[in-house]
Each structure stands twice: as structure tokens, then as C-alpha cells.
Protein backbone atom coordinates (compact mmCIF):
# COMPACT_ATOMS: atom_id res chain seq x y z
CA MET A 1 149.81 -43.59 -27.04
CA SER A 2 146.76 -45.78 -26.62
CA ALA A 3 147.04 -49.54 -26.89
CA PRO A 4 145.76 -51.14 -30.09
CA ALA A 5 142.24 -52.48 -29.90
CA PRO A 6 142.17 -56.22 -29.23
CA ILE A 7 141.38 -58.44 -32.16
CA LEU A 8 138.11 -60.25 -31.43
CA PRO A 9 137.62 -63.81 -32.56
CA ALA A 10 135.44 -64.28 -35.61
CA LEU A 11 131.86 -65.20 -34.82
CA PRO A 12 130.21 -68.24 -36.37
CA ARG A 13 128.22 -67.43 -39.53
CA LEU A 14 124.93 -69.25 -39.76
CA SER A 15 122.49 -69.18 -42.62
CA ASP A 16 118.84 -68.46 -41.95
CA ARG A 17 118.07 -72.20 -42.33
CA HIS A 18 120.63 -73.20 -39.73
CA ARG A 19 119.42 -70.55 -37.25
CA ALA A 20 115.82 -71.72 -37.75
CA MET A 21 116.79 -75.33 -37.13
CA LEU A 22 118.56 -74.47 -33.90
CA GLN A 23 115.57 -72.44 -32.73
CA GLU A 24 113.04 -75.20 -33.58
CA MET A 25 115.09 -77.80 -31.67
CA GLY A 26 115.50 -75.61 -28.57
CA VAL A 27 119.26 -74.89 -28.97
CA PRO A 28 119.77 -71.20 -28.10
CA VAL A 29 121.79 -68.99 -30.49
CA TRP A 30 123.34 -65.96 -28.84
CA TRP A 31 125.62 -64.68 -31.60
CA PRO A 32 124.38 -62.13 -34.15
CA SER A 33 123.49 -62.99 -37.70
CA ALA A 34 125.99 -62.32 -40.50
CA GLU A 35 124.12 -59.12 -41.45
CA GLU A 36 124.14 -57.85 -37.85
CA ALA A 37 127.81 -58.64 -37.49
CA VAL A 38 128.68 -56.78 -40.67
CA GLY A 39 126.49 -53.81 -39.69
CA ALA A 40 128.15 -53.51 -36.31
CA GLY A 41 131.61 -53.05 -37.81
CA PRO A 42 134.95 -52.91 -35.96
CA ALA A 43 133.99 -49.73 -34.10
CA ALA A 44 130.96 -51.28 -32.51
CA GLN A 45 132.98 -54.33 -31.50
CA SER A 46 135.65 -52.21 -29.80
CA ASP A 47 133.18 -49.83 -28.12
CA PRO A 48 132.64 -50.98 -24.50
CA ALA A 49 129.16 -49.46 -24.44
CA ALA A 50 128.17 -51.55 -27.44
CA LYS A 51 129.32 -54.84 -26.00
CA THR A 52 126.92 -57.32 -24.53
CA GLU A 53 127.75 -60.03 -22.04
CA ARG A 54 129.09 -63.06 -23.80
CA ARG A 55 129.34 -66.61 -22.62
CA PRO A 56 132.77 -68.18 -22.27
CA ALA A 57 133.86 -70.18 -25.27
CA ALA A 58 133.44 -73.44 -23.39
CA ALA A 59 129.73 -72.76 -22.97
CA LEU A 60 129.03 -72.45 -26.68
CA ASN A 61 126.63 -74.91 -28.22
CA PRO A 62 128.42 -76.81 -31.01
CA VAL A 63 127.82 -75.35 -34.45
CA ARG A 64 127.33 -77.35 -37.58
CA PRO A 65 130.61 -79.06 -38.53
CA PRO A 66 131.74 -78.99 -42.11
CA VAL A 67 130.55 -82.06 -43.93
CA GLU A 68 133.49 -83.98 -45.32
CA PRO A 69 133.08 -86.15 -48.40
CA THR A 70 131.97 -89.53 -47.20
CA ARG A 71 133.40 -92.80 -48.30
CA PRO A 72 131.00 -95.54 -49.25
CA THR A 73 130.80 -98.11 -46.46
CA PRO A 74 132.16 -101.44 -47.65
CA ASN A 75 129.44 -103.94 -48.26
CA ARG A 76 129.18 -106.74 -45.72
CA PRO A 77 126.83 -109.64 -45.53
CA ALA A 78 123.25 -108.61 -44.93
CA ALA A 79 121.51 -109.56 -41.69
CA THR A 80 120.38 -113.08 -41.21
CA PRO A 81 116.96 -113.36 -39.56
CA ALA A 82 116.84 -114.78 -36.07
CA THR A 83 114.59 -117.57 -37.33
CA GLY A 84 113.86 -118.99 -40.75
CA ALA A 85 110.25 -117.82 -40.54
CA ALA A 86 111.05 -114.53 -42.31
CA LEU A 87 112.09 -116.36 -45.47
CA ASP A 88 108.46 -117.06 -46.40
CA HIS A 89 107.10 -113.82 -44.97
CA PRO A 90 104.01 -112.62 -46.91
CA ALA A 91 105.21 -108.99 -46.89
CA ARG A 92 107.36 -109.56 -49.97
CA LEU A 93 104.22 -110.30 -52.05
CA LEU A 94 102.16 -107.27 -50.97
CA PRO A 95 101.33 -105.21 -54.09
CA ASP A 96 100.96 -101.74 -52.54
CA LEU A 97 100.88 -99.70 -49.33
CA ALA A 98 97.17 -100.30 -48.78
CA ALA A 99 97.65 -104.04 -48.87
CA LEU A 100 100.67 -103.75 -46.58
CA GLU A 101 98.70 -101.67 -44.07
CA ALA A 102 95.90 -104.25 -44.06
CA ALA A 103 98.41 -107.08 -43.59
CA VAL A 104 100.00 -105.33 -40.61
CA HIS A 105 96.62 -104.84 -38.96
CA ASP A 106 95.86 -108.54 -39.44
CA CYS A 107 99.33 -109.81 -38.49
CA SER A 108 99.64 -112.33 -35.68
CA ARG A 109 103.11 -113.70 -36.41
CA CYS A 110 104.50 -112.89 -32.91
CA GLY A 111 103.16 -112.52 -29.42
CA LEU A 112 102.89 -108.73 -29.63
CA ALA A 113 99.64 -109.10 -31.60
CA GLN A 114 97.83 -110.45 -28.57
CA ARG A 115 98.71 -107.41 -26.45
CA ARG A 116 98.28 -104.51 -28.84
CA GLN A 117 95.33 -102.14 -29.09
CA ARG A 118 96.21 -101.08 -32.62
CA ALA A 119 98.98 -101.95 -35.03
CA VAL A 120 100.96 -99.00 -36.38
CA PRO A 121 101.91 -99.54 -40.04
CA GLY A 122 103.10 -95.98 -40.75
CA MET A 123 101.87 -92.70 -42.23
CA GLY A 124 102.87 -89.96 -44.64
CA ASP A 125 103.39 -89.13 -48.28
CA PRO A 126 103.13 -92.28 -50.46
CA ARG A 127 105.88 -90.93 -52.74
CA PRO A 128 108.32 -89.50 -50.22
CA ASP A 129 111.81 -88.12 -50.52
CA TRP A 130 112.44 -88.84 -46.83
CA LEU A 131 111.79 -92.04 -44.88
CA ILE A 132 111.91 -91.60 -41.09
CA ILE A 133 112.34 -94.95 -39.30
CA GLY A 134 111.80 -95.32 -35.58
CA GLU A 135 111.95 -98.30 -33.29
CA ALA A 136 108.52 -99.38 -32.02
CA PRO A 137 105.20 -97.82 -31.01
CA GLY A 138 104.76 -96.50 -27.51
CA GLU A 139 101.64 -96.23 -25.39
CA GLU A 140 100.13 -93.30 -27.25
CA GLU A 141 100.97 -94.78 -30.65
CA ASP A 142 99.33 -98.03 -29.63
CA ARG A 143 96.20 -96.10 -28.66
CA GLN A 144 95.95 -94.01 -31.83
CA GLY A 145 97.45 -96.37 -34.42
CA LEU A 146 99.81 -93.62 -35.64
CA PRO A 147 103.62 -93.41 -35.43
CA PHE A 148 105.44 -90.75 -33.36
CA VAL A 149 102.59 -89.10 -31.43
CA GLY A 150 102.65 -87.66 -27.95
CA ARG A 151 105.58 -85.55 -26.75
CA ALA A 152 108.13 -87.43 -28.87
CA GLY A 153 105.96 -86.91 -31.95
CA GLN A 154 105.68 -83.20 -31.21
CA LEU A 155 109.45 -82.92 -31.04
CA LEU A 156 109.75 -84.83 -34.34
CA ASP A 157 107.30 -82.41 -35.93
CA ARG A 158 109.50 -79.52 -34.79
CA MET A 159 112.58 -81.24 -36.17
CA LEU A 160 110.83 -81.74 -39.52
CA ALA A 161 109.65 -78.11 -39.49
CA ALA A 162 113.27 -77.02 -38.98
CA MET A 163 114.06 -78.95 -42.20
CA GLY A 164 111.14 -77.32 -44.06
CA LEU A 165 109.13 -80.54 -43.97
CA THR A 166 105.88 -81.94 -42.54
CA ARG A 167 104.89 -85.51 -41.88
CA GLU A 168 102.27 -85.32 -44.65
CA HIS A 169 104.46 -83.85 -47.43
CA ARG A 170 107.63 -85.49 -48.83
CA VAL A 171 107.96 -87.57 -45.64
CA TYR A 172 106.87 -91.08 -44.64
CA ILE A 173 107.21 -92.25 -41.04
CA ALA A 174 107.43 -95.90 -40.02
CA ASN A 175 108.81 -98.13 -37.25
CA VAL A 176 110.82 -101.32 -37.37
CA ILE A 177 108.26 -102.97 -35.03
CA LYS A 178 104.61 -102.38 -35.85
CA CYS A 179 103.11 -103.32 -32.46
CA ARG A 180 103.95 -101.99 -29.05
CA PRO A 181 106.20 -104.20 -26.85
CA PRO A 182 104.85 -104.53 -23.30
CA LEU A 183 105.89 -101.65 -21.03
CA ASN A 184 107.85 -100.20 -23.98
CA ARG A 185 110.62 -102.76 -23.53
CA ASN A 186 113.21 -103.26 -26.24
CA PRO A 187 112.12 -105.48 -29.18
CA ASP A 188 113.57 -108.97 -29.08
CA PRO A 189 115.32 -110.62 -32.07
CA VAL A 190 112.34 -112.82 -32.94
CA GLU A 191 109.98 -109.83 -33.03
CA ILE A 192 112.39 -107.93 -35.26
CA ALA A 193 112.78 -110.91 -37.60
CA GLN A 194 109.00 -111.29 -37.92
CA CYS A 195 108.27 -107.58 -38.35
CA SER A 196 111.22 -106.12 -40.30
CA PRO A 197 110.07 -107.66 -43.62
CA TYR A 198 107.14 -105.23 -43.52
CA LEU A 199 109.60 -102.38 -43.25
CA LEU A 200 111.74 -103.70 -46.09
CA ARG A 201 108.69 -103.98 -48.31
CA GLN A 202 107.75 -100.40 -47.37
CA VAL A 203 111.17 -99.22 -48.53
CA GLU A 204 110.68 -101.05 -51.81
CA LEU A 205 107.24 -99.57 -52.37
CA LEU A 206 108.02 -96.03 -51.19
CA GLN A 207 111.39 -95.66 -52.94
CA PRO A 208 112.62 -92.79 -50.75
CA LYS A 209 115.79 -90.84 -51.45
CA VAL A 210 117.21 -90.54 -47.93
CA ILE A 211 116.54 -92.55 -44.77
CA ILE A 212 116.86 -91.16 -41.28
CA ALA A 213 117.11 -93.94 -38.67
CA MET A 214 116.11 -92.69 -35.19
CA GLY A 215 117.26 -94.71 -32.25
CA ARG A 216 119.58 -97.70 -31.71
CA PHE A 217 117.29 -100.50 -32.80
CA ALA A 218 116.20 -98.65 -35.93
CA ALA A 219 119.83 -97.95 -36.84
CA GLN A 220 120.95 -101.53 -36.15
CA THR A 221 118.13 -103.03 -38.18
CA VAL A 222 118.51 -100.75 -41.19
CA LEU A 223 122.28 -100.98 -41.34
CA ALA A 224 122.38 -104.75 -40.84
CA GLU A 225 119.54 -105.52 -43.27
CA GLY A 226 121.11 -103.16 -45.82
CA GLY A 227 124.56 -104.73 -45.64
CA ALA A 228 126.36 -101.73 -44.21
CA LEU A 229 127.30 -103.68 -41.09
CA SER A 230 127.28 -107.31 -40.10
CA PRO A 231 124.51 -108.23 -37.66
CA GLU A 232 127.10 -108.74 -34.93
CA ALA A 233 128.75 -105.36 -35.49
CA ALA A 234 125.35 -103.65 -35.67
CA ARG A 235 124.38 -105.09 -32.29
CA GLN A 236 127.71 -104.11 -30.65
CA TRP A 237 128.15 -100.58 -31.93
CA PRO A 238 126.54 -97.89 -29.74
CA LEU A 239 124.44 -95.22 -31.42
CA GLY A 240 127.05 -92.57 -30.73
CA LYS A 241 129.47 -94.47 -32.99
CA LEU A 242 126.89 -94.86 -35.76
CA ARG A 243 125.73 -91.24 -35.99
CA GLY A 244 127.76 -88.37 -37.46
CA GLN A 245 128.51 -90.15 -40.74
CA LEU A 246 126.75 -91.17 -43.90
CA HIS A 247 125.98 -94.87 -44.39
CA ARG A 248 124.90 -96.56 -47.60
CA VAL A 249 122.58 -99.54 -47.63
CA THR A 250 120.88 -101.71 -50.19
CA LEU A 251 117.21 -102.29 -49.36
CA GLY A 252 114.41 -103.37 -51.67
CA GLY A 253 116.76 -103.26 -54.67
CA LEU A 254 117.69 -99.63 -53.92
CA THR A 255 121.02 -98.23 -52.76
CA LEU A 256 120.14 -95.48 -50.30
CA PRO A 257 122.01 -93.09 -48.00
CA VAL A 258 121.18 -93.46 -44.31
CA VAL A 259 121.75 -90.89 -41.55
CA VAL A 260 121.55 -92.19 -37.96
CA THR A 261 120.43 -89.90 -35.15
CA TYR A 262 118.90 -89.98 -31.70
CA HIS A 263 115.24 -90.88 -31.14
CA PRO A 264 113.10 -87.86 -30.13
CA ALA A 265 112.12 -89.66 -26.91
CA TYR A 266 115.81 -89.83 -25.99
CA LEU A 267 116.22 -86.12 -26.76
CA LEU A 268 113.38 -85.32 -24.37
CA ARG A 269 115.29 -87.15 -21.62
CA SER A 270 118.69 -85.73 -22.69
CA PRO A 271 118.11 -82.26 -24.14
CA GLY A 272 121.86 -81.59 -24.17
CA GLU A 273 122.13 -83.98 -27.13
CA LYS A 274 119.83 -81.84 -29.32
CA ALA A 275 122.82 -80.07 -30.88
CA LYS A 276 124.19 -83.41 -32.05
CA ALA A 277 120.83 -84.32 -33.52
CA TRP A 278 120.78 -80.94 -35.28
CA ALA A 279 124.17 -81.73 -36.83
CA ASP A 280 122.77 -85.06 -38.04
CA LEU A 281 119.82 -83.30 -39.67
CA CYS A 282 122.24 -80.90 -41.41
CA LEU A 283 124.12 -83.91 -42.73
CA ALA A 284 120.83 -85.34 -44.00
CA LEU A 285 119.91 -82.08 -45.70
CA ASP A 286 123.32 -81.80 -47.33
CA THR A 287 122.95 -85.37 -48.56
CA MET A 288 119.57 -84.58 -50.08
CA ASP A 289 120.95 -81.42 -51.66
CA GLY A 290 123.58 -83.50 -53.36
CA LEU A 291 121.02 -85.78 -55.01
CA GLN A 292 118.95 -85.15 -58.10
CA PRO A 293 116.17 -82.53 -57.79
CA ALA A 294 113.04 -83.85 -56.14
CA ARG A 295 110.72 -85.52 -58.58
CA ALA A 296 107.82 -83.41 -59.79
CA ALA A 297 104.40 -84.13 -58.33
CA VAL A 298 102.02 -85.97 -60.63
């Protein structure tokens, strides 16, 4: 009497969207699709000739975790600027995006203005559903005057494509700091205090539905300014503790969901973290899916 066929573990089931996102971000998927798994049937799984070499379970890339209902983050005091100069910042009086862009190009409120080639106000759809917030321009951004260009920008474009988006449609991209810090160093508190009012006014003018904060300084600024964390807590928490959950902030009179993830430049240096960034994007997509349908184009 032959021994009963072993019971094989169930394979992960991914939708076409999830498989496409993994492929775009460079995370390999070795298991078959749901249709292929069904078509193979138990006989094919038990037939040694039909088996293919499989990786051990420990080598699997993490799959998208189930999204649990999120609890609103308790409101805490909003960030206090490093200096009082932000209290009379002209950004709050700018009437539209064109005026804000002109003001950024003319700004000389901190020492970064003397070193820049071009200021980088932002780019994208003026009526976006998504607002992508990075940290500060790099060398290539400083040269072109556009956010997220070069290799990091190419990866961001692939991440957006995996979400069915482009940087020109339904998306606006901006940075906390609008001028490049020397040698791409971290922004200092005075620079953030002088520049973040431009970002806050952008949020108010754009009225996005979901914010994705990419990188530690973007996450700290958005969460502290929006009251999700105190400034002290925002500075102390590492990015790994801030990602993987949904935050809610109040910016520009709007209460908005915020998803924190890694900056594309970091993912280029640490490709093993791409799967975590993919999970963050899935959380962002699920959040958008739970909101009202996107507003019709005028």
C-alpha cells in the first residue's frame, strides 16, 4: 500500500496588481498565479516530474500583510518652529501654486539660497489625489529644478507605475526643503523652519487625499507639523518605527492620512528593503480605496 501523498502548503495568492507592483520594484515572484495554481491541480503538485525547484521558506520575500483597521493617532501639539521667523512667513499669503513657485525661486530666507543652482518647488497634477513628499533636492534636482530626478527619480517612477500612476496625473511631488543642502547633508532645524511653510501652503492649495512621506526628515516634518507626534518624538523615532501604519495629520485645515516609507535613494542603497516599501504602497492604495471615489476631472 503506497503512502499518502504529502499535503503541500498553500501558496500565496496575489492579485494581478500585487504581482505587477512586485515586478516593478524588483522583488522577484517565484510562485504561480492563482489561475496557474488552480490549473495545476493536486495531481500536478504530487507528480515529481511536474515539480520545479523551490526556495526554502526562509528565503521567501515577504508578501503583503493583511491591513488591520487603523486607530486614529491621538492628537498632540503641533511642531513649534525652531525660530520665530516662520510665524510671519509669506507663504501663508500666496494665492496659488504659480505664486508659490515664484516665491520659492526668489526665496533667500536661509543660507541655502546662496549655494543653489535652482530652487525646486515641486511638480505634478495641480489637483492631485496623491502628494509625495521627499526630503530635499540632490545634485541632479539642483541642476534641473525638478524633484526626484536621476536614479532615485527613476525608481520613484517605477513605484508610481506599480500603483497605476504617473508623476503628471493624480500625483504632485514636493520636498520639505526646496534648495539643495551642500554635499547633500541633512537639513538643519533652521532650514526646515524657514522652508516647511512653503510645503504647508502647498498642502492647503493642492488638497490631496493621501500623503506618502518618503524618508526620515519628510516623515518627521509632516507628522510633527500635522500634530500626529510631538516634535521631540518625531525626531527620536526611527523611520522603521514610523512606517507600516497609517498616521493622520491636520495640515492646511485638512485632516489627511499619511503613509511613511523609505526614500527611493535609500532603496537603491538597500534593495533588500524594497519589499517593505511595497507593503507601504499597498497600505497607501488600500487607504485610497477606502476613501470617496476620485473627483471627476473638470
